[in-house]
PDB file of N, CA and C in Angstrom:
ATOM      1  N   MET A   1      33.036  24.498  86.349  1.00  0.00           N
ATOM      2  CA  MET A   1      34.105  25.246  85.703  1.00  0.00           C
ATOM      3  C   MET A   1      33.623  26.680  85.475  1.00  0.00           C
ATOM      4  N   SER A   2      34.467  27.639  85.846  1.00  0.00           N
ATOM      5  CA  SER A   2      34.082  29.033  85.668  1.00  0.00           C
ATOM      6  C   SER A   2      34.413  29.509  84.266  1.00  0.00           C
ATOM      7  N   ASN A   3      33.695  30.518  83.827  1.00  0.00           N
ATOM      8  CA  ASN A   3      33.939  31.112  82.518  1.00  0.00           C
ATOM      9  C   ASN A   3      35.159  32.014  82.580  1.00  0.00           C
ATOM     10  N   SER A   4      35.593  32.453  81.398  1.00  0.00           N
ATOM     11  CA  SER A   4      36.703  33.389  81.283  1.00  0.00           C
ATOM     12  C   SER A   4      36.284  34.534  80.393  1.00  0.00           C
ATOM     13  N   VAL A   5      36.883  35.713  80.649  1.00  0.00           N
ATOM     14  CA  VAL A   5      36.489  36.926  79.952  1.00  0.00           C
ATOM     15  C   VAL A   5      37.709  37.594  79.333  1.00  0.00           C
ATOM     16  N   TYR A   6      37.564  37.944  78.061  1.00  0.00           N
ATOM     17  CA  TYR A   6      38.541  38.788  77.384  1.00  0.00           C
ATOM     18  C   TYR A   6      38.042  40.214  77.552  1.00  0.00           C
ATOM     19  N   PHE A   7      38.839  41.065  78.191  1.00  0.00           N
ATOM     20  CA  PHE A   7      38.481  42.440  78.510  1.00  0.00           C
ATOM     21  C   PHE A   7      39.411  43.354  77.728  1.00  0.00           C
ATOM     22  N   CYS A   8      38.856  44.191  76.887  1.00  0.00           N
ATOM     23  CA  CYS A   8      39.665  45.114  76.089  1.00  0.00           C
ATOM     24  C   CYS A   8      39.038  46.494  76.155  1.00  0.00           C
ATOM     25  N   SER A   9      39.859  47.482  76.501  1.00  0.00           N
ATOM     26  CA  SER A   9      39.373  48.860  76.495  1.00  0.00           C
ATOM     27  C   SER A   9      40.069  49.617  75.379  1.00  0.00           C
ATOM     28  N   CYS A  10      39.356  50.574  74.798  1.00  0.00           N
ATOM     29  CA  CYS A  10      39.937  51.359  73.706  1.00  0.00           C
ATOM     30  C   CYS A  10      39.105  52.624  73.493  1.00  0.00           C
ATOM     31  N   LYS A  11      39.663  53.491  72.689  1.00  0.00           N
ATOM     32  CA  LYS A  11      38.944  54.661  72.205  1.00  0.00           C
ATOM     33  C   LYS A  11      38.816  54.528  70.699  1.00  0.00           C
ATOM     34  N   LEU A  12      37.833  55.194  70.151  1.00  0.00           N
ATOM     35  CA  LEU A  12      37.646  55.175  68.706  1.00  0.00           C
ATOM     36  C   LEU A  12      38.492  56.268  68.071  1.00  0.00           C
ATOM     37  N   LYS A  13      38.789  56.083  66.797  1.00  0.00           N
ATOM     38  CA  LYS A  13      39.488  57.133  66.064  1.00  0.00           C
ATOM     39  C   LYS A  13      38.603  58.366  65.990  1.00  0.00           C
ATOM     40  N   LYS A  14      39.247  59.511  65.913  1.00  0.00           N
ATOM     41  CA  LYS A  14      38.519  60.770  65.823  1.00  0.00           C
ATOM     42  C   LYS A  14      37.570  60.733  64.626  1.00  0.00           C
ATOM     43  N   ASP A  15      36.386  61.258  64.807  1.00  0.00           N
ATOM     44  CA  ASP A  15      35.351  61.363  63.774  1.00  0.00           C
ATOM     45  C   ASP A  15      34.757  60.014  63.357  1.00  0.00           C
ATOM     46  N   THR A  16      34.976  58.971  64.144  1.00  0.00           N
ATOM     47  CA  THR A  16      34.330  57.687  63.853  1.00  0.00           C
ATOM     48  C   THR A  16      32.847  57.789  64.165  1.00  0.00           C
ATOM     49  N   SER A  17      32.040  57.320  63.262  1.00  0.00           N
ATOM     50  CA  SER A  17      30.596  57.291  63.459  1.00  0.00           C
ATOM     51  C   SER A  17      30.249  56.123  64.384  1.00  0.00           C
ATOM     52  N   ILE A  18      29.541  56.414  65.474  1.00  0.00           N
ATOM     53  CA  ILE A  18      29.138  55.364  66.409  1.00  0.00           C
ATOM     54  C   ILE A  18      28.276  54.300  65.710  1.00  0.00           C
ATOM     55  N   PRO A  19      27.266  54.695  64.908  1.00  0.00           N
ATOM     56  CA  PRO A  19      26.496  53.669  64.203  1.00  0.00           C
ATOM     57  C   PRO A  19      27.369  52.793  63.294  1.00  0.00           C
ATOM     58  N   ASP A  20      28.358  53.380  62.626  1.00  0.00           N
ATOM     59  CA  ASP A  20      29.261  52.587  61.777  1.00  0.00           C
ATOM     60  C   ASP A  20      30.086  51.620  62.616  1.00  0.00           C
ATOM     61  N   PHE A  21      30.554  52.098  63.768  1.00  0.00           N
ATOM     62  CA  PHE A  21      31.340  51.249  64.658  1.00  0.00           C
ATOM     63  C   PHE A  21      30.506  50.082  65.170  1.00  0.00           C
ATOM     64  N   LEU A  22      29.288  50.366  65.623  1.00  0.00           N
ATOM     65  CA  LEU A  22      28.426  49.306  66.149  1.00  0.00           C
ATOM     66  C   LEU A  22      28.042  48.303  65.072  1.00  0.00           C
ATOM     67  N   LEU A  23      27.849  48.765  63.851  1.00  0.00           N
ATOM     68  CA  LEU A  23      27.547  47.857  62.750  1.00  0.00           C
ATOM     69  C   LEU A  23      28.753  46.966  62.446  1.00  0.00           C
ATOM     70  N   ALA A  24      29.945  47.544  62.442  1.00  0.00           N
ATOM     71  CA  ALA A  24      31.164  46.759  62.214  1.00  0.00           C
ATOM     72  C   ALA A  24      31.335  45.720  63.322  1.00  0.00           C
ATOM     73  N   ALA A  25      31.032  46.095  64.573  1.00  0.00           N
ATOM     74  CA  ALA A  25      31.127  45.167  65.698  1.00  0.00           C
ATOM     75  C   ALA A  25      30.115  44.034  65.553  1.00  0.00           C
ATOM     76  N   GLU A  26      28.904  44.381  65.157  1.00  0.00           N
ATOM     77  CA  GLU A  26      27.865  43.356  64.986  1.00  0.00           C
ATOM     78  C   GLU A  26      28.260  42.352  63.906  1.00  0.00           C
ATOM     79  N   LYS A  27      28.781  42.848  62.800  1.00  0.00           N
ATOM     80  CA  LYS A  27      29.219  41.945  61.726  1.00  0.00           C
ATOM     81  C   LYS A  27      30.383  41.083  62.177  1.00  0.00           C
ATOM     82  N   LEU A  28      31.339  41.673  62.899  1.00  0.00           N
ATOM     83  CA  LEU A  28      32.476  40.912  63.420  1.00  0.00           C
ATOM     84  C   LEU A  28      31.990  39.820  64.360  1.00  0.00           C
ATOM     85  N   ASN A  29      31.048  40.165  65.220  1.00  0.00           N
ATOM     86  CA  ASN A  29      30.511  39.172  66.140  1.00  0.00           C
ATOM     87  C   ASN A  29      29.772  38.056  65.400  1.00  0.00           C
ATOM     88  N   ASN A  30      28.880  38.437  64.517  1.00  0.00           N
ATOM     89  CA  ASN A  30      28.037  37.438  63.848  1.00  0.00           C
ATOM     90  C   ASN A  30      28.813  36.538  62.894  1.00  0.00           C
ATOM     91  N   GLU A  31      29.822  37.087  62.237  1.00  0.00           N
ATOM     92  CA  GLU A  31      30.535  36.329  61.211  1.00  0.00           C
ATOM     93  C   GLU A  31      31.831  35.687  61.691  1.00  0.00           C
ATOM     94  N   TYR A  32      32.347  36.118  62.845  1.00  0.00           N
ATOM     95  CA  TYR A  32      33.628  35.575  63.270  1.00  0.00           C
ATOM     96  C   TYR A  32      33.657  35.169  64.753  1.00  0.00           C
ATOM     97  N   ILE A  33      33.486  36.137  65.643  1.00  0.00           N
ATOM     98  CA  ILE A  33      33.696  35.853  67.060  1.00  0.00           C
ATOM     99  C   ILE A  33      32.727  34.798  67.585  1.00  0.00           C
ATOM    100  N   SER A  34      31.456  34.903  67.231  1.00  0.00           N
ATOM    101  CA  SER A  34      30.461  33.962  67.746  1.00  0.00           C
ATOM    102  C   SER A  34      30.684  32.534  67.248  1.00  0.00           C
ATOM    103  N   LYS A  35      31.528  32.366  66.250  1.00  0.00           N
ATOM    104  CA  LYS A  35      31.813  31.038  65.710  1.00  0.00           C
ATOM    105  C   LYS A  35      33.048  30.400  66.350  1.00  0.00           C
ATOM    106  N   GLN A  36      33.686  31.118  67.281  1.00  0.00           N
ATOM    107  CA  GLN A  36      34.872  30.590  67.942  1.00  0.00           C
ATOM    108  C   GLN A  36      34.475  29.602  69.038  1.00  0.00           C
ATOM    109  N   LYS A  37      35.305  28.583  69.230  1.00  0.00           N
ATOM    110  CA  LYS A  37      35.039  27.557  70.235  1.00  0.00           C
ATOM    111  C   LYS A  37      34.872  28.199  71.617  1.00  0.00           C
ATOM    112  N   GLY A  38      33.822  27.824  72.313  1.00  0.00           N
ATOM    113  CA  GLY A  38      33.587  28.259  73.672  1.00  0.00           C
ATOM    114  C   GLY A  38      32.950  29.629  73.825  1.00  0.00           C
ATOM    115  N   TYR A  39      32.650  30.287  72.700  1.00  0.00           N
ATOM    116  CA  TYR A  39      32.051  31.628  72.761  1.00  0.00           C
ATOM    117  C   TYR A  39      30.716  31.588  73.498  1.00  0.00           C
ATOM    118  N   ILE A  40      30.516  32.570  74.393  1.00  0.00           N
ATOM    119  CA  ILE A  40      29.240  32.702  75.102  1.00  0.00           C
ATOM    120  C   ILE A  40      28.564  34.021  74.749  1.00  0.00           C
ATOM    121  N   SER A  41      29.282  35.151  74.908  1.00  0.00           N
ATOM    122  CA  SER A  41      28.654  36.441  74.641  1.00  0.00           C
ATOM    123  C   SER A  41      29.706  37.529  74.485  1.00  0.00           C
ATOM    124  N   TRP A  42      29.272  38.647  73.913  1.00  0.00           N
ATOM    125  CA  TRP A  42      30.113  39.840  73.799  1.00  0.00           C
ATOM    126  C   TRP A  42      29.269  41.022  74.230  1.00  0.00           C
ATOM    127  N   LYS A  43      29.743  41.734  75.224  1.00  0.00           N
ATOM    128  CA  LYS A  43      29.087  42.960  75.677  1.00  0.00           C
ATOM    129  C   LYS A  43      30.011  44.122  75.366  1.00  0.00           C
ATOM    130  N   GLN A  44      29.436  45.200  74.831  1.00  0.00           N
ATOM    131  CA  GLN A  44      30.184  46.427  74.594  1.00  0.00           C
ATOM    132  C   GLN A  44      29.629  47.479  75.540  1.00  0.00           C
ATOM    133  N   LEU A  45      30.539  48.109  76.283  1.00  0.00           N
ATOM    134  CA  LEU A  45      30.166  49.145  77.237  1.00  0.00           C
ATOM    135  C   LEU A  45      30.866  50.428  76.825  1.00  0.00           C
ATOM    136  N   VAL A  46      30.247  51.543  77.163  1.00  0.00           N
ATOM    137  CA  VAL A  46      30.859  52.832  76.824  1.00  0.00           C
ATOM    138  C   VAL A  46      30.677  53.799  77.988  1.00  0.00           C
ATOM    139  N   ASP A  47      31.726  54.595  78.210  1.00  0.00           N
ATOM    140  CA  ASP A  47      31.697  55.667  79.199  1.00  0.00           C
ATOM    141  C   ASP A  47      32.408  56.849  78.556  1.00  0.00           C
ATOM    142  N   GLY A  48      31.623  57.741  77.983  1.00  0.00           N
ATOM    143  CA  GLY A  48      32.220  58.869  77.262  1.00  0.00           C
ATOM    144  C   GLY A  48      32.948  58.375  76.021  1.00  0.00           C
ATOM    145  N   GLU A  49      34.259  58.555  75.990  1.00  0.00           N
ATOM    146  CA  GLU A  49      35.058  58.132  74.846  1.00  0.00           C
ATOM    147  C   GLU A  49      35.645  56.731  75.013  1.00  0.00           C
ATOM    148  N   LEU A  50      35.528  56.152  76.203  1.00  0.00           N
ATOM    149  CA  LEU A  50      36.136  54.854  76.480  1.00  0.00           C
ATOM    150  C   LEU A  50      35.144  53.726  76.218  1.00  0.00           C
ATOM    151  N   TRP A  51      35.550  52.786  75.392  1.00  0.00           N
ATOM    152  CA  TRP A  51      34.756  51.609  75.056  1.00  0.00           C
ATOM    153  C   TRP A  51      35.392  50.389  75.691  1.00  0.00           C
ATOM    154  N   LEU A  52      34.554  49.477  76.190  1.00  0.00           N
ATOM    155  CA  LEU A  52      35.024  48.218  76.757  1.00  0.00           C
ATOM    156  C   LEU A  52      34.353  47.064  76.047  1.00  0.00           C
ATOM    157  N   ASP A  53      35.149  46.087  75.712  1.00  0.00           N
ATOM    158  CA  ASP A  53      34.631  44.832  75.165  1.00  0.00           C
ATOM    159  C   ASP A  53      34.798  43.768  76.233  1.00  0.00           C
ATOM    160  N   LEU A  54      33.723  43.104  76.562  1.00  0.00           N
ATOM    161  CA  LEU A  54      33.751  41.970  77.484  1.00  0.00           C
ATOM    162  C   LEU A  54      33.258  40.756  76.707  1.00  0.00           C
ATOM    163  N   VAL A  55      34.194  39.917  76.287  1.00  0.00           N
ATOM    164  CA  VAL A  55      33.842  38.744  75.499  1.00  0.00           C
ATOM    165  C   VAL A  55      34.014  37.523  76.402  1.00  0.00           C
ATOM    166  N   THR A  56      32.918  36.824  76.651  1.00  0.00           N
ATOM    167  CA  THR A  56      32.921  35.698  77.571  1.00  0.00           C
ATOM    168  C   THR A  56      33.011  34.384  76.805  1.00  0.00           C
ATOM    169  N   PHE A  57      33.903  33.529  77.294  1.00  0.00           N
ATOM    170  CA  PHE A  57      34.108  32.195  76.730  1.00  0.00           C
ATOM    171  C   PHE A  57      33.968  31.169  77.851  1.00  0.00           C
ATOM    172  N   GLU A  58      33.862  29.917  77.464  1.00  0.00           N
ATOM    173  CA  GLU A  58      33.711  28.850  78.447  1.00  0.00           C
ATOM    174  C   GLU A  58      34.964  28.661  79.291  1.00  0.00           C
ATOM    175  N   THR A  59      36.158  28.754  78.669  1.00  0.00           N
ATOM    176  CA  THR A  59      37.396  28.485  79.398  1.00  0.00           C
ATOM    177  C   THR A  59      38.467  29.512  79.034  1.00  0.00           C
ATOM    178  N   MET A  60      39.513  29.581  79.841  1.00  0.00           N
ATOM    179  CA  MET A  60      40.640  30.456  79.545  1.00  0.00           C
ATOM    180  C   MET A  60      41.352  29.985  78.274  1.00  0.00           C
ATOM    181  N   GLU A  61      41.395  28.696  78.064  1.00  0.00           N
ATOM    182  CA  GLU A  61      41.992  28.167  76.831  1.00  0.00           C
ATOM    183  C   GLU A  61      41.238  28.692  75.606  1.00  0.00           C
ATOM    184  N   ASP A  62      39.912  28.753  75.691  1.00  0.00           N
ATOM    185  CA  ASP A  62      39.109  29.296  74.587  1.00  0.00           C
ATOM    186  C   ASP A  62      39.444  30.769  74.347  1.00  0.00           C
ATOM    187  N   VAL A  63      39.611  31.540  75.430  1.00  0.00           N
ATOM    188  CA  VAL A  63      39.968  32.953  75.298  1.00  0.00           C
ATOM    189  C   VAL A  63      41.309  33.087  74.594  1.00  0.00           C
ATOM    190  N   LYS A  64      42.292  32.332  75.058  1.00  0.00           N
ATOM    191  CA  LYS A  64      43.630  32.428  74.481  1.00  0.00           C
ATOM    192  C   LYS A  64      43.649  31.982  73.024  1.00  0.00           C
ATOM    193  N   ASN A  65      42.889  30.945  72.690  1.00  0.00           N
ATOM    194  CA  ASN A  65      42.792  30.513  71.288  1.00  0.00           C
ATOM    195  C   ASN A  65      42.133  31.586  70.430  1.00  0.00           C
ATOM    196  N   PHE A  66      41.112  32.242  70.983  1.00  0.00           N
ATOM    197  CA  PHE A  66      40.445  33.328  70.263  1.00  0.00           C
ATOM    198  C   PHE A  66      41.423  34.460  69.971  1.00  0.00           C
ATOM    199  N   VAL A  67      42.176  34.884  70.975  1.00  0.00           N
ATOM    200  CA  VAL A  67      43.121  35.986  70.800  1.00  0.00           C
ATOM    201  C   VAL A  67      44.191  35.605  69.788  1.00  0.00           C
ATOM    202  N   GLU A  68      44.691  34.382  69.879  1.00  0.00           N
ATOM    203  CA  GLU A  68      45.709  33.931  68.923  1.00  0.00           C
ATOM    204  C   GLU A  68      45.155  33.905  67.501  1.00  0.00           C
ATOM    205  N   SER A  69      43.947  33.407  67.329  1.00  0.00           N
ATOM    206  CA  SER A  69      43.343  33.346  65.990  1.00  0.00           C
ATOM    207  C   SER A  69      43.019  34.739  65.458  1.00  0.00           C
ATOM    208  N   SER A  70      42.833  35.696  66.375  1.00  0.00           N
ATOM    209  CA  SER A  70      42.517  37.066  65.967  1.00  0.00           C
ATOM    210  C   SER A  70      43.704  37.771  65.326  1.00  0.00           C
ATOM    211  N   ASN A  71      44.880  37.208  65.460  1.00  0.00           N
ATOM    212  CA  ASN A  71      46.064  37.797  64.837  1.00  0.00           C
ATOM    213  C   ASN A  71      46.062  37.641  63.325  1.00  0.00           C
ATOM    214  N   THR A  72      45.191  36.781  62.813  1.00  0.00           N
ATOM    215  CA  THR A  72      45.038  36.617  61.371  1.00  0.00           C
ATOM    216  C   THR A  72      43.873  37.501  60.924  1.00  0.00           C
ATOM    217  N   PRO A  73      44.171  38.579  60.195  1.00  0.00           N
ATOM    218  CA  PRO A  73      43.103  39.510  59.797  1.00  0.00           C
ATOM    219  C   PRO A  73      42.048  38.848  58.901  1.00  0.00           C
ATOM    220  N   ASN A  74      40.833  39.343  59.023  1.00  0.00           N
ATOM    221  CA  ASN A  74      39.751  38.966  58.111  1.00  0.00           C
ATOM    222  C   ASN A  74      38.982  40.245  57.795  1.00  0.00           C
ATOM    223  N   GLU A  75      38.097  40.181  56.828  1.00  0.00           N
ATOM    224  CA  GLU A  75      37.408  41.404  56.390  1.00  0.00           C
ATOM    225  C   GLU A  75      36.609  42.065  57.512  1.00  0.00           C
ATOM    226  N   PHE A  76      36.109  41.284  58.457  1.00  0.00           N
ATOM    227  CA  PHE A  76      35.283  41.839  59.533  1.00  0.00           C
ATOM    228  C   PHE A  76      36.150  42.508  60.596  1.00  0.00           C
ATOM    229  N   SER A  77      37.261  41.867  60.953  1.00  0.00           N
ATOM    230  CA  SER A  77      38.151  42.479  61.943  1.00  0.00           C
ATOM    231  C   SER A  77      38.854  43.701  61.363  1.00  0.00           C
ATOM    232  N   GLU A  78      39.196  43.656  60.083  1.00  0.00           N
ATOM    233  CA  GLU A  78      39.855  44.811  59.461  1.00  0.00           C
ATOM    234  C   GLU A  78      38.953  46.041  59.495  1.00  0.00           C
ATOM    235  N   LYS A  79      37.676  45.877  59.201  1.00  0.00           N
ATOM    236  CA  LYS A  79      36.731  46.992  59.240  1.00  0.00           C
ATOM    237  C   LYS A  79      36.590  47.511  60.670  1.00  0.00           C
ATOM    238  N   TYR A  80      36.404  46.608  61.620  1.00  0.00           N
ATOM    239  CA  TYR A  80      36.239  46.983  63.023  1.00  0.00           C
ATOM    240  C   TYR A  80      37.457  47.758  63.515  1.00  0.00           C
ATOM    241  N   PHE A  81      38.647  47.209  63.300  1.00  0.00           N
ATOM    242  CA  PHE A  81      39.857  47.843  63.820  1.00  0.00           C
ATOM    243  C   PHE A  81      40.258  49.091  63.043  1.00  0.00           C
ATOM    244  N   SER A  82      39.705  49.287  61.864  1.00  0.00           N
ATOM    245  CA  SER A  82      39.981  50.533  61.136  1.00  0.00           C
ATOM    246  C   SER A  82      39.322  51.736  61.825  1.00  0.00           C
ATOM    247  N   LEU A  83      38.390  51.472  62.728  1.00  0.00           N
ATOM    248  CA  LEU A  83      37.665  52.520  63.435  1.00  0.00           C
ATOM    249  C   LEU A  83      38.183  52.755  64.854  1.00  0.00           C
ATOM    250  N   VAL A  84      39.113  51.911  65.284  1.00  0.00           N
ATOM    251  CA  VAL A  84      39.622  51.934  66.651  1.00  0.00           C
ATOM    252  C   VAL A  84      41.006  52.586  66.695  1.00  0.00           C
ATOM    253  N   ASP A  85      41.232  53.410  67.722  1.00  0.00           N
ATOM    254  CA  ASP A  85      42.568  53.961  67.974  1.00  0.00           C
ATOM    255  C   ASP A  85      43.386  52.865  68.659  1.00  0.00           C
ATOM    256  N   LEU A  86      44.164  52.147  67.883  1.00  0.00           N
ATOM    257  CA  LEU A  86      44.878  50.985  68.400  1.00  0.00           C
ATOM    258  C   LEU A  86      45.883  51.345  69.485  1.00  0.00           C
ATOM    259  N   ASN A  87      46.374  52.582  69.487  1.00  0.00           N
ATOM    260  CA  ASN A  87      47.310  53.014  70.529  1.00  0.00           C
ATOM    261  C   ASN A  87      46.637  53.161  71.893  1.00  0.00           C
ATOM    262  N   SER A  88      45.315  53.194  71.907  1.00  0.00           N
ATOM    263  CA  SER A  88      44.586  53.370  73.164  1.00  0.00           C
ATOM    264  C   SER A  88      44.147  52.038  73.781  1.00  0.00           C
ATOM    265  N   CYS A  89      44.404  50.947  73.105  1.00  0.00           N
ATOM    266  CA  CYS A  89      43.890  49.642  73.538  1.00  0.00           C
ATOM    267  C   CYS A  89      44.698  49.027  74.678  1.00  0.00           C
ATOM    268  N   THR A  90      43.999  48.461  75.626  1.00  0.00           N
ATOM    269  CA  THR A  90      44.597  47.616  76.658  1.00  0.00           C
ATOM    270  C   THR A  90      43.738  46.364  76.757  1.00  0.00           C
ATOM    271  N   GLU A  91      44.366  45.241  77.062  1.00  0.00           N
ATOM    272  CA  GLU A  91      43.601  44.006  77.174  1.00  0.00           C
ATOM    273  C   GLU A  91      44.016  43.238  78.415  1.00  0.00           C
ATOM    274  N   HIS A  92      43.045  42.492  78.934  1.00  0.00           N
ATOM    275  CA  HIS A  92      43.250  41.666  80.118  1.00  0.00           C
ATOM    276  C   HIS A  92      42.456  40.375  79.932  1.00  0.00           C
ATOM    277  N   PHE A  93      42.865  39.362  80.666  1.00  0.00           N
ATOM    278  CA  PHE A  93      42.188  38.069  80.638  1.00  0.00           C
ATOM    279  C   PHE A  93      41.769  37.745  82.064  1.00  0.00           C
ATOM    280  N   PHE A  94      40.479  37.535  82.271  1.00  0.00           N
ATOM    281  CA  PHE A  94      39.957  37.286  83.601  1.00  0.00           C
ATOM    282  C   PHE A  94      39.248  35.941  83.660  1.00  0.00           C
ATOM    283  N   SER A  95      39.393  35.278  84.790  1.00  0.00           N
ATOM    284  CA  SER A  95      38.571  34.110  85.089  1.00  0.00           C
ATOM    285  C   SER A  95      37.432  34.608  85.983  1.00  0.00           C
ATOM    286  N   VAL A  96      36.235  34.133  85.704  1.00  0.00           N
ATOM    287  CA  VAL A  96      35.079  34.521  86.517  1.00  0.00           C
ATOM    288  C   VAL A  96      35.169  33.735  87.827  1.00  0.00           C
ATOM    289  N   GLU A  97      35.328  34.455  88.905  1.00  0.00           N
ATOM    290  CA  GLU A  97      35.452  33.842  90.221  1.00  0.00           C
ATOM    291  C   GLU A  97      34.085  33.495  90.791  1.00  0.00           C
ATOM    292  N   ARG A  98      33.125  34.409  90.591  1.00  0.00           N
ATOM    293  CA  ARG A  98      31.784  34.185  91.118  1.00  0.00           C
ATOM    294  C   ARG A  98      30.798  35.049  90.371  1.00  0.00           C
ATOM    295  N   SER A  99      29.614  34.536  90.154  1.00  0.00           N
ATOM    296  CA  SER A  99      28.524  35.308  89.555  1.00  0.00           C
ATOM    297  C   SER A  99      27.359  35.313  90.530  1.00  0.00           C
ATOM    298  N   TYR A 100      26.618  36.415  90.559  1.00  0.00           N
ATOM    299  CA  TYR A 100      25.438  36.512  91.432  1.00  0.00           C
ATOM    300  C   TYR A 100      24.215  36.737  90.596  1.00  0.00           C
TER     301      TYR A 100
END
């Protein structure tokens, strides 16, 4: 069975501190995302102002359950998203076809 990836790109709000953003992401991961069924890993990538989140789960069902559960705010997601320009966000759901 292949893994599935939640892919989200966004920009940060103007004047957001990168260390503050990364700390908020780490807390969100450690206290919430990593506890979701099927969670494997979360990679954050950056290219200038564009940030990408690649969150890998065991199955597409796990990804969809994660996204659905994320609609209920918690203290960690509220802090994280307070630093993100929500109007810049796009998300996609990918199945891993092959890994090398």
